[in-house]
Amino acid sequence: MAARIGDAGEAKRSSGIDVRVVGCGDAFGSGGRFNTCFLLDGPEGRALIDCGASSLIALKALGIDPDTIGTIAITHLHGDHFGGLVFLLREATLYNRRTLPLLIAGPPGLRARLEQALEIFFPTGSAPPKTFALSFVELEARATKQVGPIRITAFAADHFSGDPSYSLRVEMAGRTVAYTGDTLWVDDLEDLAAGADLLICEAYSHERPRGKHLDYMTIKRRLPALGAARLLLTHLGEEMIAMIPELDLPVAHDGQLIRLD
């Protein structure tokens, strides 16, 4: 059973960060995995990288209070990467329990798409929250921005989502987590990963790219150019999940905790 993160009695980290795999699945929940969502927990606060459609459920299954998360960084505007914002915000605005300001960073178009999604799922759901401040930061490729407790550098990804798609390099408390998001191989992934403490890398298929996603064999061939200290594969499709016992690169699982000291 995955370890639970609650608020009562939990000591804040004085240095380094914890990375919790809230969800590491593909869009279709292959293998029973939740949609993409990673929690970064450091001395200055909590941040999410991506918030897929099932993320509110996954956070609660791990005992993580979504109202304690002050920053969310989004790679691209597909439902399995940003759709959970709809449910997280709807709960926060409906019950009026949240007081912590929420800062959401992502590609151009994020705010408009999120407001549209809120209105489609919950008419009037895009009304401004009453009990907390909600703000948005627009990310640009090859630009670094301070967003709450994290510094984000976005890199252009090759993955159609109707608006720009990014890979994200996130710095927090002296540690760096790089995440490919969804993308075919692009040379910018080398800069994304260089010197990172952890590279979270999608591996949707085994030998051939499918639907603008990275495949496992491409990652293996390019591994020497990805200069991260640690690698973790995510976003596995059904083919890859069936092959996990045969893989020689580490694979994420829901609930997994990685300490970056």
Protein backbone atom coordinates (compact mmCIF):
# COMPACT_ATOMS: atom_id res chain seq x y z
CA MET A 1 0.00 0.00 0.00
CA ALA A 2 1.31 3.45 -0.87
CA ALA A 3 2.39 5.66 1.99
CA ARG A 4 -0.09 8.37 2.86
CA ILE A 5 0.63 12.07 3.11
CA GLY A 6 -1.57 13.96 5.51
CA ASP A 7 -1.36 17.30 7.24
CA ALA A 8 -1.57 16.33 10.89
CA GLY A 9 1.82 15.70 12.40
CA GLU A 10 3.73 15.81 9.10
CA ALA A 11 7.10 17.53 9.43
CA LYS A 12 8.09 20.01 6.76
CA ARG A 13 11.30 19.24 4.94
CA SER A 14 14.14 21.59 5.92
CA SER A 15 16.09 20.92 2.71
CA GLY A 16 15.70 19.07 -0.57
CA ILE A 17 12.32 17.93 -1.87
CA ASP A 18 10.07 14.91 -1.99
CA VAL A 19 8.61 13.91 -5.35
CA ARG A 20 5.38 11.92 -5.11
CA VAL A 21 4.02 10.13 -8.16
CA VAL A 22 0.33 10.91 -7.78
CA GLY A 23 -0.45 9.49 -11.19
CA CYS A 24 1.73 8.09 -13.98
CA GLY A 25 -0.81 6.63 -16.40
CA ASP A 26 -1.69 7.41 -19.99
CA ALA A 27 -4.89 9.09 -21.12
CA PHE A 28 -6.84 5.84 -20.88
CA GLY A 29 -5.81 4.60 -17.43
CA SER A 30 -3.87 1.66 -18.85
CA GLY A 31 -2.95 -0.76 -16.10
CA GLY A 32 -5.37 0.97 -13.72
CA ARG A 33 -3.04 3.96 -13.33
CA PHE A 34 -4.20 7.49 -12.61
CA ASN A 35 -3.59 10.29 -15.10
CA THR A 36 -0.35 12.27 -14.99
CA CYS A 37 0.30 14.21 -11.78
CA PHE A 38 3.50 14.70 -9.77
CA LEU A 39 3.70 16.42 -6.38
CA LEU A 40 6.81 18.34 -5.38
CA ASP A 41 6.98 18.92 -1.63
CA GLY A 42 9.66 21.26 -0.30
CA PRO A 43 10.39 23.61 2.60
CA GLU A 44 8.63 26.53 0.89
CA GLY A 45 5.47 24.75 -0.15
CA ARG A 46 3.88 22.21 -2.46
CA ALA A 47 3.58 22.24 -6.24
CA LEU A 48 2.09 19.94 -8.85
CA ILE A 49 3.47 19.19 -12.28
CA ASP A 50 0.38 18.44 -14.37
CA CYS A 51 -3.06 17.67 -13.02
CA GLY A 52 -4.77 15.07 -15.18
CA ALA A 53 -8.49 14.38 -15.09
CA SER A 54 -8.27 11.78 -12.28
CA SER A 55 -5.81 13.74 -10.13
CA LEU A 56 -8.23 14.91 -7.43
CA ILE A 57 -9.22 11.30 -6.79
CA ALA A 58 -5.57 10.21 -6.77
CA LEU A 59 -4.55 12.99 -4.35
CA LYS A 60 -7.29 12.00 -1.93
CA ALA A 61 -6.40 8.31 -2.22
CA LEU A 62 -2.92 9.27 -0.98
CA GLY A 63 -4.30 11.45 1.82
CA ILE A 64 -3.03 14.66 0.21
CA ASP A 65 -5.18 17.73 0.85
CA PRO A 66 -5.43 19.62 -2.47
CA ASP A 67 -5.97 22.85 -0.56
CA THR A 68 -2.34 22.66 0.65
CA ILE A 69 -1.00 22.88 -2.91
CA GLY A 70 -0.22 26.46 -3.88
CA THR A 71 1.31 26.08 -7.34
CA ILE A 72 0.46 23.96 -10.40
CA ALA A 73 2.54 23.77 -13.58
CA ILE A 74 0.88 22.37 -16.71
CA THR A 75 2.77 20.93 -19.70
CA HIS A 76 -0.02 20.92 -22.28
CA LEU A 77 -3.74 21.13 -22.74
CA HIS A 78 -4.89 17.55 -23.05
CA GLY A 79 -7.42 16.33 -20.50
CA ASP A 80 -5.12 13.70 -19.01
CA HIS A 81 -2.64 16.47 -18.13
CA PHE A 82 -4.79 19.46 -17.15
CA GLY A 83 -8.38 18.19 -16.85
CA GLY A 84 -8.13 17.64 -13.09
CA LEU A 85 -7.98 21.40 -12.59
CA VAL A 86 -11.70 21.47 -13.33
CA PHE A 87 -12.55 19.24 -10.37
CA LEU A 88 -9.91 20.70 -8.04
CA LEU A 89 -11.18 24.24 -8.63
CA ARG A 90 -14.84 23.28 -8.55
CA GLU A 91 -14.45 21.65 -5.13
CA ALA A 92 -12.45 24.61 -3.83
CA THR A 93 -14.98 27.20 -4.99
CA LEU A 94 -18.08 25.17 -4.08
CA TYR A 95 -17.16 24.40 -0.48
CA ASN A 96 -15.20 27.60 0.24
CA ARG A 97 -12.70 25.86 2.50
CA ARG A 98 -9.56 26.87 0.64
CA THR A 99 -7.73 30.03 1.71
CA LEU A 100 -4.25 29.40 0.26
CA PRO A 101 -3.71 31.36 -2.97
CA LEU A 102 -3.41 29.19 -6.07
CA LEU A 103 -1.01 30.02 -8.89
CA ILE A 104 -1.36 28.05 -12.14
CA ALA A 105 1.31 28.20 -14.83
CA GLY A 106 1.09 26.74 -18.30
CA PRO A 107 1.04 27.31 -22.05
CA PRO A 108 -0.75 30.18 -23.76
CA GLY A 109 -4.42 29.32 -23.93
CA LEU A 110 -4.54 27.57 -20.56
CA ARG A 111 -6.80 30.06 -18.79
CA ALA A 112 -9.31 30.25 -21.65
CA ARG A 113 -9.45 26.46 -22.11
CA LEU A 114 -9.83 25.91 -18.36
CA GLU A 115 -12.68 28.41 -18.12
CA GLN A 116 -14.40 26.75 -21.08
CA ALA A 117 -14.02 23.33 -19.47
CA LEU A 118 -15.38 24.59 -16.15
CA GLU A 119 -18.44 26.05 -17.87
CA ILE A 120 -19.07 22.87 -19.87
CA PHE A 121 -18.85 20.58 -16.83
CA PHE A 122 -20.28 22.96 -14.23
CA PRO A 123 -22.22 25.97 -15.61
CA THR A 124 -21.14 29.13 -13.70
CA GLY A 125 -18.14 27.09 -12.48
CA SER A 126 -15.67 29.62 -13.87
CA ALA A 127 -16.84 32.35 -11.49
CA PRO A 128 -13.92 33.80 -9.44
CA PRO A 129 -13.35 32.04 -6.11
CA LYS A 130 -14.50 33.88 -2.98
CA THR A 131 -12.06 32.63 -0.37
CA PHE A 132 -8.70 32.50 -2.15
CA ALA A 133 -6.75 34.30 -4.87
CA LEU A 134 -6.45 32.51 -8.21
CA SER A 135 -3.87 33.69 -10.74
CA PHE A 136 -2.26 32.44 -13.94
CA VAL A 137 1.24 32.65 -15.41
CA GLU A 138 1.78 32.13 -19.14
CA LEU A 139 4.92 30.15 -19.94
CA GLU A 140 7.08 30.73 -23.02
CA ALA A 141 9.55 28.38 -24.64
CA ARG A 142 13.15 28.86 -23.47
CA ALA A 143 12.08 31.37 -20.81
CA THR A 144 12.52 30.85 -17.07
CA LYS A 145 9.92 32.17 -14.66
CA GLN A 146 9.60 32.14 -10.89
CA VAL A 147 6.18 30.74 -10.04
CA GLY A 148 5.59 30.55 -6.28
CA PRO A 149 8.30 28.31 -4.78
CA ILE A 150 9.43 26.90 -8.15
CA ARG A 151 11.43 28.18 -11.10
CA ILE A 152 10.10 26.84 -14.39
CA THR A 153 11.89 26.69 -17.72
CA ALA A 154 9.69 25.56 -20.60
CA PHE A 155 10.98 23.78 -23.69
CA ALA A 156 8.94 23.30 -26.85
CA ALA A 157 7.59 19.77 -27.23
CA ASP A 158 6.42 18.03 -30.41
CA HIS A 159 2.90 17.05 -29.39
CA PHE A 160 -0.28 18.59 -30.81
CA SER A 161 -2.73 19.85 -28.19
CA GLY A 162 -4.35 22.87 -29.86
CA ASP A 163 -2.00 25.25 -28.04
CA PRO A 164 1.77 25.06 -27.41
CA SER A 165 2.95 21.91 -25.66
CA TYR A 166 5.96 22.01 -23.36
CA SER A 167 8.48 19.92 -21.52
CA LEU A 168 9.21 21.50 -18.13
CA ARG A 169 12.35 21.90 -16.06
CA VAL A 170 11.33 22.72 -12.49
CA GLU A 171 13.73 23.92 -9.80
CA MET A 172 12.70 23.82 -6.14
CA ALA A 173 14.79 24.12 -2.97
CA GLY A 174 18.04 23.54 -4.83
CA ARG A 175 16.82 20.46 -6.69
CA THR A 176 15.77 20.08 -10.32
CA VAL A 177 13.05 17.85 -11.73
CA ALA A 178 12.76 17.66 -15.52
CA TYR A 179 9.64 16.26 -17.15
CA THR A 180 9.30 15.56 -20.86
CA GLY A 181 5.53 15.83 -20.90
CA ASP A 182 4.17 14.19 -24.04
CA THR A 183 6.44 14.57 -27.07
CA LEU A 184 8.30 12.92 -29.87
CA TRP A 185 12.08 13.16 -29.55
CA VAL A 186 13.35 16.72 -29.96
CA ASP A 187 16.92 17.81 -29.32
CA ASP A 188 15.72 20.28 -26.67
CA LEU A 189 15.23 17.27 -24.39
CA GLU A 190 19.00 17.23 -23.93
CA ASP A 191 18.94 20.74 -22.46
CA LEU A 192 15.83 19.88 -20.46
CA ALA A 193 17.56 16.96 -18.74
CA ALA A 194 21.11 18.28 -18.40
CA GLY A 195 22.20 18.13 -14.76
CA ALA A 196 18.69 17.44 -13.44
CA ASP A 197 18.38 15.45 -10.23
CA LEU A 198 15.46 13.53 -11.73
CA LEU A 199 14.21 13.18 -15.30
CA ILE A 200 10.64 11.92 -15.59
CA CYS A 201 10.37 10.66 -19.15
CA GLU A 202 7.36 9.36 -20.99
CA ALA A 203 7.69 5.99 -22.72
CA TYR A 204 4.29 5.33 -24.24
CA SER A 205 5.28 2.57 -26.66
CA HIS A 206 8.20 0.19 -27.07
CA GLU A 207 9.85 0.43 -30.49
CA ARG A 208 7.87 2.90 -32.58
CA PRO A 209 6.46 6.32 -31.68
CA ARG A 210 2.68 6.46 -31.52
CA GLY A 211 0.61 9.62 -31.64
CA LYS A 212 3.49 12.05 -31.02
CA HIS A 213 4.76 10.14 -27.97
CA LEU A 214 8.24 8.94 -27.06
CA ASP A 215 9.04 5.26 -27.32
CA TYR A 216 11.29 3.18 -25.07
CA MET A 217 13.92 2.27 -27.65
CA THR A 218 14.43 5.90 -28.63
CA ILE A 219 14.99 6.74 -24.97
CA LYS A 220 17.55 3.95 -24.64
CA ARG A 221 19.43 5.08 -27.75
CA ARG A 222 19.46 8.69 -26.59
CA LEU A 223 20.19 7.95 -22.95
CA PRO A 224 23.86 9.08 -23.05
CA ALA A 225 22.69 12.55 -24.15
CA LEU A 226 20.22 12.85 -21.28
CA GLY A 227 22.48 13.99 -18.47
CA ALA A 228 20.16 13.58 -15.51
CA ALA A 229 21.24 11.87 -12.29
CA ARG A 230 18.12 9.68 -12.21
CA LEU A 231 15.54 8.58 -14.75
CA LEU A 232 11.96 7.45 -14.23
CA LEU A 233 9.68 6.25 -17.04
CA THR A 234 6.05 7.29 -17.05
CA HIS A 235 2.91 7.46 -19.27
CA LEU A 236 3.22 3.82 -20.34
CA GLY A 237 0.64 2.43 -22.75
CA GLU A 238 -0.77 -1.09 -22.56
CA GLU A 239 2.07 -2.55 -24.66
CA MET A 240 4.70 -1.11 -22.32
CA ILE A 241 2.89 -2.10 -19.13
CA ALA A 242 2.83 -5.71 -20.30
CA MET A 243 6.60 -5.51 -20.84
CA ILE A 244 7.56 -3.99 -17.47
CA PRO A 245 9.27 -7.20 -16.20
CA GLU A 246 11.57 -7.10 -19.24
CA LEU A 247 12.57 -3.42 -19.03
CA ASP A 248 15.95 -2.36 -17.69
CA LEU A 249 15.05 1.27 -16.98
CA PRO A 250 13.08 2.24 -13.83
CA VAL A 251 9.33 2.65 -14.19
CA ALA A 252 7.09 4.92 -12.11
CA HIS A 253 4.13 3.60 -10.17
CA ASP A 254 1.27 5.47 -8.55
CA GLY A 255 2.04 6.50 -4.99
CA GLN A 256 5.82 6.20 -5.40
CA LEU A 257 7.93 8.55 -3.27
CA ILE A 258 11.34 9.80 -4.41
CA ARG A 259 13.47 11.83 -2.00
CA LEU A 260 15.88 14.32 -3.55
CA ASP A 261 18.22 15.36 -0.72
